[in-house]
Amino acid sequence: MADAQRTIKSPVGDLLLTASETGLTGVWFPTSRHRRPALVEPYPLQLLDRVEAQLTEYFDGSRTTFDLPLEPAGTDFQLRVWELLRRIPYGVTTSYGELARKLGDPQKLRAVGAANGANPIPIIVPCHRVVGSKGELTGFGGGLERKRWLLEHEGALMGLGR
């Protein structure tokens, strides 16, 4: 069965949510660099209600963590990177190099960057919290303005290069 999907309004534009019967599979920006799922008829799925409610709470400032079952599709390496992303606290940033070090191989900087860029569940798996080695804002599937908005929303831009 195809993923359920729903489009919601947010302060960073429309977001297309996709989910299987058991977990969230995607959060897609209109400008996403990645292939969005084929449009299917939306059907009700209680999980999408939870995702929408938690994103609404995040955007209104009353939620700083998400409690959702996730099912991102990716390689073993990508899944490891995305799990590290989930551990970056609200309002905190880290660098690609730091993530590579946490994975045990500082030489995997580019691979970490590629995995970060392939994240199909942005915001909830907070790839926007990863910045360049000097604190500069770097690529983001939703565009740098959305990344800047998300980091400002979390209070994480103080002291970062702009």
C-alpha atoms as a PDB file:
ATOM      1  CA  MET A   1       0.000   0.000   0.000  1.00  0.00           C
ATOM      2  CA  ALA A   2       1.272   3.487  -0.813  1.00  0.00           C
ATOM      3  CA  ASP A   3       2.176   5.843   2.000  1.00  0.00           C
ATOM      4  CA  ALA A   4      -0.580   7.969   3.456  1.00  0.00           C
ATOM      5  CA  GLN A   5       0.048  11.628   2.884  1.00  0.00           C
ATOM      6  CA  ARG A   6      -1.190  14.986   4.028  1.00  0.00           C
ATOM      7  CA  THR A   7      -0.152  18.544   3.296  1.00  0.00           C
ATOM      8  CA  ILE A   8      -0.077  20.925   6.241  1.00  0.00           C
ATOM      9  CA  LYS A   9       0.559  24.664   6.490  1.00  0.00           C
ATOM     10  CA  SER A  10       3.540  25.798   8.560  1.00  0.00           C
ATOM     11  CA  PRO A  11       5.553  28.972   9.142  1.00  0.00           C
ATOM     12  CA  VAL A  12       8.153  27.609   6.689  1.00  0.00           C
ATOM     13  CA  GLY A  13       5.585  26.848   3.969  1.00  0.00           C
ATOM     14  CA  ASP A  14       3.499  23.834   3.076  1.00  0.00           C
ATOM     15  CA  LEU A  15       4.876  20.495   4.268  1.00  0.00           C
ATOM     16  CA  LEU A  16       3.914  17.178   2.694  1.00  0.00           C
ATOM     17  CA  LEU A  17       3.857  14.451   5.358  1.00  0.00           C
ATOM     18  CA  THR A  18       4.080  10.790   4.349  1.00  0.00           C
ATOM     19  CA  ALA A  19       3.654   7.750   6.564  1.00  0.00           C
ATOM     20  CA  SER A  20       3.252   4.005   6.383  1.00  0.00           C
ATOM     21  CA  GLU A  21       0.928   2.116   8.677  1.00  0.00           C
ATOM     22  CA  THR A  22       3.682   2.034  11.314  1.00  0.00           C
ATOM     23  CA  GLY A  23       5.914   5.081  10.967  1.00  0.00           C
ATOM     24  CA  LEU A  24       6.609   8.502   9.491  1.00  0.00           C
ATOM     25  CA  THR A  25       8.471   8.159   6.181  1.00  0.00           C
ATOM     26  CA  GLY A  26       8.865  11.754   5.060  1.00  0.00           C
ATOM     27  CA  VAL A  27       8.476  15.486   5.584  1.00  0.00           C
ATOM     28  CA  TRP A  28       8.827  17.231   2.235  1.00  0.00           C
ATOM     29  CA  PHE A  29       9.328  20.929   1.482  1.00  0.00           C
ATOM     30  CA  PRO A  30       7.972  22.290  -1.810  1.00  0.00           C
ATOM     31  CA  THR A  31      11.591  23.036  -2.772  1.00  0.00           C
ATOM     32  CA  SER A  32      12.978  19.657  -1.727  1.00  0.00           C
ATOM     33  CA  ARG A  33      15.988  18.570  -3.781  1.00  0.00           C
ATOM     34  CA  HIS A  34      14.947  14.975  -3.331  1.00  0.00           C
ATOM     35  CA  ARG A  35      12.362  13.051  -5.250  1.00  0.00           C
ATOM     36  CA  ARG A  36       9.034  13.542  -3.584  1.00  0.00           C
ATOM     37  CA  PRO A  37       6.662  10.595  -3.464  1.00  0.00           C
ATOM     38  CA  ALA A  38       4.105  10.210  -6.217  1.00  0.00           C
ATOM     39  CA  LEU A  39       0.825  11.838  -5.336  1.00  0.00           C
ATOM     40  CA  VAL A  40      -1.774   9.397  -4.145  1.00  0.00           C
ATOM     41  CA  GLU A  41      -5.221   9.927  -2.783  1.00  0.00           C
ATOM     42  CA  PRO A  42      -4.800  10.880   0.847  1.00  0.00           C
ATOM     43  CA  TYR A  43      -6.360   8.467   3.281  1.00  0.00           C
ATOM     44  CA  PRO A  44      -6.852   8.847   6.999  1.00  0.00           C
ATOM     45  CA  LEU A  45      -4.057   7.646   9.194  1.00  0.00           C
ATOM     46  CA  GLN A  46      -3.988   8.392  12.909  1.00  0.00           C
ATOM     47  CA  LEU A  47      -0.205   8.733  12.811  1.00  0.00           C
ATOM     48  CA  LEU A  48      -0.462  11.762  10.522  1.00  0.00           C
ATOM     49  CA  ASP A  49      -2.741  13.398  13.101  1.00  0.00           C
ATOM     50  CA  ARG A  50       0.036  12.942  15.701  1.00  0.00           C
ATOM     51  CA  VAL A  51       2.714  14.257  13.325  1.00  0.00           C
ATOM     52  CA  GLU A  52       0.643  17.315  12.467  1.00  0.00           C
ATOM     53  CA  ALA A  53      -0.123  17.988  16.157  1.00  0.00           C
ATOM     54  CA  GLN A  54       3.527  17.673  17.186  1.00  0.00           C
ATOM     55  CA  LEU A  55       4.751  19.885  14.322  1.00  0.00           C
ATOM     56  CA  THR A  56       2.129  22.497  15.255  1.00  0.00           C
ATOM     57  CA  GLU A  57       3.389  22.419  18.855  1.00  0.00           C
ATOM     58  CA  TYR A  58       7.001  22.714  17.638  1.00  0.00           C
ATOM     59  CA  PHE A  59       6.149  25.739  15.501  1.00  0.00           C
ATOM     60  CA  ASP A  60       4.186  27.442  18.298  1.00  0.00           C
ATOM     61  CA  GLY A  61       7.150  26.939  20.657  1.00  0.00           C
ATOM     62  CA  SER A  62       5.539  24.478  23.080  1.00  0.00           C
ATOM     63  CA  ARG A  63       7.444  21.364  21.885  1.00  0.00           C
ATOM     64  CA  THR A  64      11.208  20.839  21.717  1.00  0.00           C
ATOM     65  CA  THR A  65      11.322  17.070  21.080  1.00  0.00           C
ATOM     66  CA  PHE A  66       9.273  14.685  18.973  1.00  0.00           C
ATOM     67  CA  ASP A  67       7.815  11.374  20.049  1.00  0.00           C
ATOM     68  CA  LEU A  68       6.920   9.626  16.800  1.00  0.00           C
ATOM     69  CA  PRO A  69       7.660   6.277  15.185  1.00  0.00           C
ATOM     70  CA  LEU A  70       9.980   6.908  12.236  1.00  0.00           C
ATOM     71  CA  GLU A  71      10.672   4.778   9.174  1.00  0.00           C
ATOM     72  CA  PRO A  72      13.181   6.636   7.028  1.00  0.00           C
ATOM     73  CA  ALA A  73      14.406   4.689   4.025  1.00  0.00           C
ATOM     74  CA  GLY A  74      18.194   4.748   3.728  1.00  0.00           C
ATOM     75  CA  THR A  75      21.450   2.840   3.842  1.00  0.00           C
ATOM     76  CA  ASP A  76      22.871   1.557   7.116  1.00  0.00           C
ATOM     77  CA  PHE A  77      25.300   4.489   7.169  1.00  0.00           C
ATOM     78  CA  GLN A  78      22.541   7.036   6.520  1.00  0.00           C
ATOM     79  CA  LEU A  79      20.432   5.513   9.304  1.00  0.00           C
ATOM     80  CA  ARG A  80      23.383   5.837  11.712  1.00  0.00           C
ATOM     81  CA  VAL A  81      23.844   9.506  10.776  1.00  0.00           C
ATOM     82  CA  TRP A  82      20.112  10.207  11.122  1.00  0.00           C
ATOM     83  CA  GLU A  83      20.102   8.594  14.564  1.00  0.00           C
ATOM     84  CA  LEU A  84      22.922  10.959  15.592  1.00  0.00           C
ATOM     85  CA  LEU A  85      20.922  13.893  14.250  1.00  0.00           C
ATOM     86  CA  ARG A  86      18.025  12.934  16.518  1.00  0.00           C
ATOM     87  CA  ARG A  87      20.364  13.329  19.513  1.00  0.00           C
ATOM     88  CA  ILE A  88      21.196  16.990  18.753  1.00  0.00           C
ATOM     89  CA  PRO A  89      19.225  18.939  21.361  1.00  0.00           C
ATOM     90  CA  TYR A  90      16.765  21.681  20.494  1.00  0.00           C
ATOM     91  CA  GLY A  91      18.543  25.013  20.204  1.00  0.00           C
ATOM     92  CA  VAL A  92      21.990  23.446  19.706  1.00  0.00           C
ATOM     93  CA  THR A  93      24.043  23.120  16.538  1.00  0.00           C
ATOM     94  CA  THR A  94      26.874  20.795  15.600  1.00  0.00           C
ATOM     95  CA  SER A  95      29.177  20.410  12.603  1.00  0.00           C
ATOM     96  CA  TYR A  96      29.587  17.709   9.981  1.00  0.00           C
ATOM     97  CA  GLY A  97      33.068  17.073  11.353  1.00  0.00           C
ATOM     98  CA  GLU A  98      31.765  16.531  14.871  1.00  0.00           C
ATOM     99  CA  LEU A  99      29.203  14.018  13.569  1.00  0.00           C
ATOM    100  CA  ALA A 100      31.959  12.192  11.665  1.00  0.00           C
ATOM    101  CA  ARG A 101      34.053  12.039  14.846  1.00  0.00           C
ATOM    102  CA  LYS A 102      31.091  10.635  16.790  1.00  0.00           C
ATOM    103  CA  LEU A 103      30.786   7.934  14.108  1.00  0.00           C
ATOM    104  CA  GLY A 104      34.428   7.068  14.752  1.00  0.00           C
ATOM    105  CA  ASP A 105      35.952   8.338  11.502  1.00  0.00           C
ATOM    106  CA  PRO A 106      36.708  12.053  11.045  1.00  0.00           C
ATOM    107  CA  GLN A 107      37.570  11.328   7.396  1.00  0.00           C
ATOM    108  CA  LYS A 108      33.877  10.594   6.644  1.00  0.00           C
ATOM    109  CA  LEU A 109      33.019  14.286   6.678  1.00  0.00           C
ATOM    110  CA  ARG A 110      31.685  14.286   3.106  1.00  0.00           C
ATOM    111  CA  ALA A 111      29.756  11.056   3.600  1.00  0.00           C
ATOM    112  CA  VAL A 112      28.147  12.547   6.717  1.00  0.00           C
ATOM    113  CA  GLY A 113      27.245  15.645   4.706  1.00  0.00           C
ATOM    114  CA  ALA A 114      25.683  13.541   1.966  1.00  0.00           C
ATOM    115  CA  ALA A 115      23.703  11.482   4.486  1.00  0.00           C
ATOM    116  CA  ASN A 116      22.557  14.656   6.230  1.00  0.00           C
ATOM    117  CA  GLY A 117      21.399  16.032   2.879  1.00  0.00           C
ATOM    118  CA  ALA A 118      19.486  12.830   2.096  1.00  0.00           C
ATOM    119  CA  ASN A 119      17.444  12.977   5.323  1.00  0.00           C
ATOM    120  CA  PRO A 120      13.790  12.372   4.315  1.00  0.00           C
ATOM    121  CA  ILE A 121      12.345  13.600   7.639  1.00  0.00           C
ATOM    122  CA  PRO A 122      13.709  17.124   8.201  1.00  0.00           C
ATOM    123  CA  ILE A 123      12.693  19.128  11.268  1.00  0.00           C
ATOM    124  CA  ILE A 124      11.783  15.944  13.181  1.00  0.00           C
ATOM    125  CA  VAL A 125      15.204  14.458  12.363  1.00  0.00           C
ATOM    126  CA  PRO A 126      16.891  17.847  12.794  1.00  0.00           C
ATOM    127  CA  CYS A 127      19.384  18.068   9.952  1.00  0.00           C
ATOM    128  CA  HIS A 128      18.916  21.859  10.096  1.00  0.00           C
ATOM    129  CA  ARG A 129      20.995  21.831  13.310  1.00  0.00           C
ATOM    130  CA  VAL A 130      24.151  20.873  11.381  1.00  0.00           C
ATOM    131  CA  VAL A 131      26.299  23.805  10.308  1.00  0.00           C
ATOM    132  CA  GLY A 132      29.716  24.290   8.727  1.00  0.00           C
ATOM    133  CA  SER A 133      32.945  24.030  10.727  1.00  0.00           C
ATOM    134  CA  LYS A 134      33.021  27.802  11.293  1.00  0.00           C
ATOM    135  CA  GLY A 135      29.348  27.989  12.206  1.00  0.00           C
ATOM    136  CA  GLU A 136      28.231  29.046   8.741  1.00  0.00           C
ATOM    137  CA  LEU A 137      24.848  27.989   7.380  1.00  0.00           C
ATOM    138  CA  THR A 138      25.307  25.316   4.738  1.00  0.00           C
ATOM    139  CA  GLY A 139      22.974  23.490   2.366  1.00  0.00           C
ATOM    140  CA  PHE A 140      19.482  22.451   3.388  1.00  0.00           C
ATOM    141  CA  GLY A 141      16.852  20.677   1.290  1.00  0.00           C
ATOM    142  CA  GLY A 142      14.261  23.261   2.269  1.00  0.00           C
ATOM    143  CA  GLY A 143      16.569  26.151   1.352  1.00  0.00           C
ATOM    144  CA  LEU A 144      18.837  28.269   3.533  1.00  0.00           C
ATOM    145  CA  GLU A 145      16.067  30.726   4.435  1.00  0.00           C
ATOM    146  CA  ARG A 146      14.027  27.910   5.962  1.00  0.00           C
ATOM    147  CA  LYS A 147      17.119  26.608   7.762  1.00  0.00           C
ATOM    148  CA  ARG A 148      17.790  30.093   9.128  1.00  0.00           C
ATOM    149  CA  TRP A 149      14.136  30.386  10.242  1.00  0.00           C
ATOM    150  CA  LEU A 150      14.248  27.022  12.043  1.00  0.00           C
ATOM    151  CA  LEU A 151      17.502  27.868  13.832  1.00  0.00           C
ATOM    152  CA  GLU A 152      16.221  31.331  14.800  1.00  0.00           C
ATOM    153  CA  HIS A 153      12.990  29.734  16.041  1.00  0.00           C
ATOM    154  CA  GLU A 154      15.076  27.470  18.291  1.00  0.00           C
ATOM    155  CA  GLY A 155      17.354  30.308  19.420  1.00  0.00           C
ATOM    156  CA  ALA A 156      20.357  28.530  17.916  1.00  0.00           C
ATOM    157  CA  LEU A 157      21.704  31.311  15.681  1.00  0.00           C
ATOM    158  CA  MET A 158      23.341  33.424  18.376  1.00  0.00           C
ATOM    159  CA  GLY A 159      27.060  33.483  17.694  1.00  0.00           C
ATOM    160  CA  LEU A 160      26.816  31.602  14.401  1.00  0.00           C
ATOM    161  CA  GLY A 161      28.241  32.984  11.174  1.00  0.00           C
ATOM    162  CA  ARG A 162      25.587  34.353   8.875  1.00  0.00           C
END
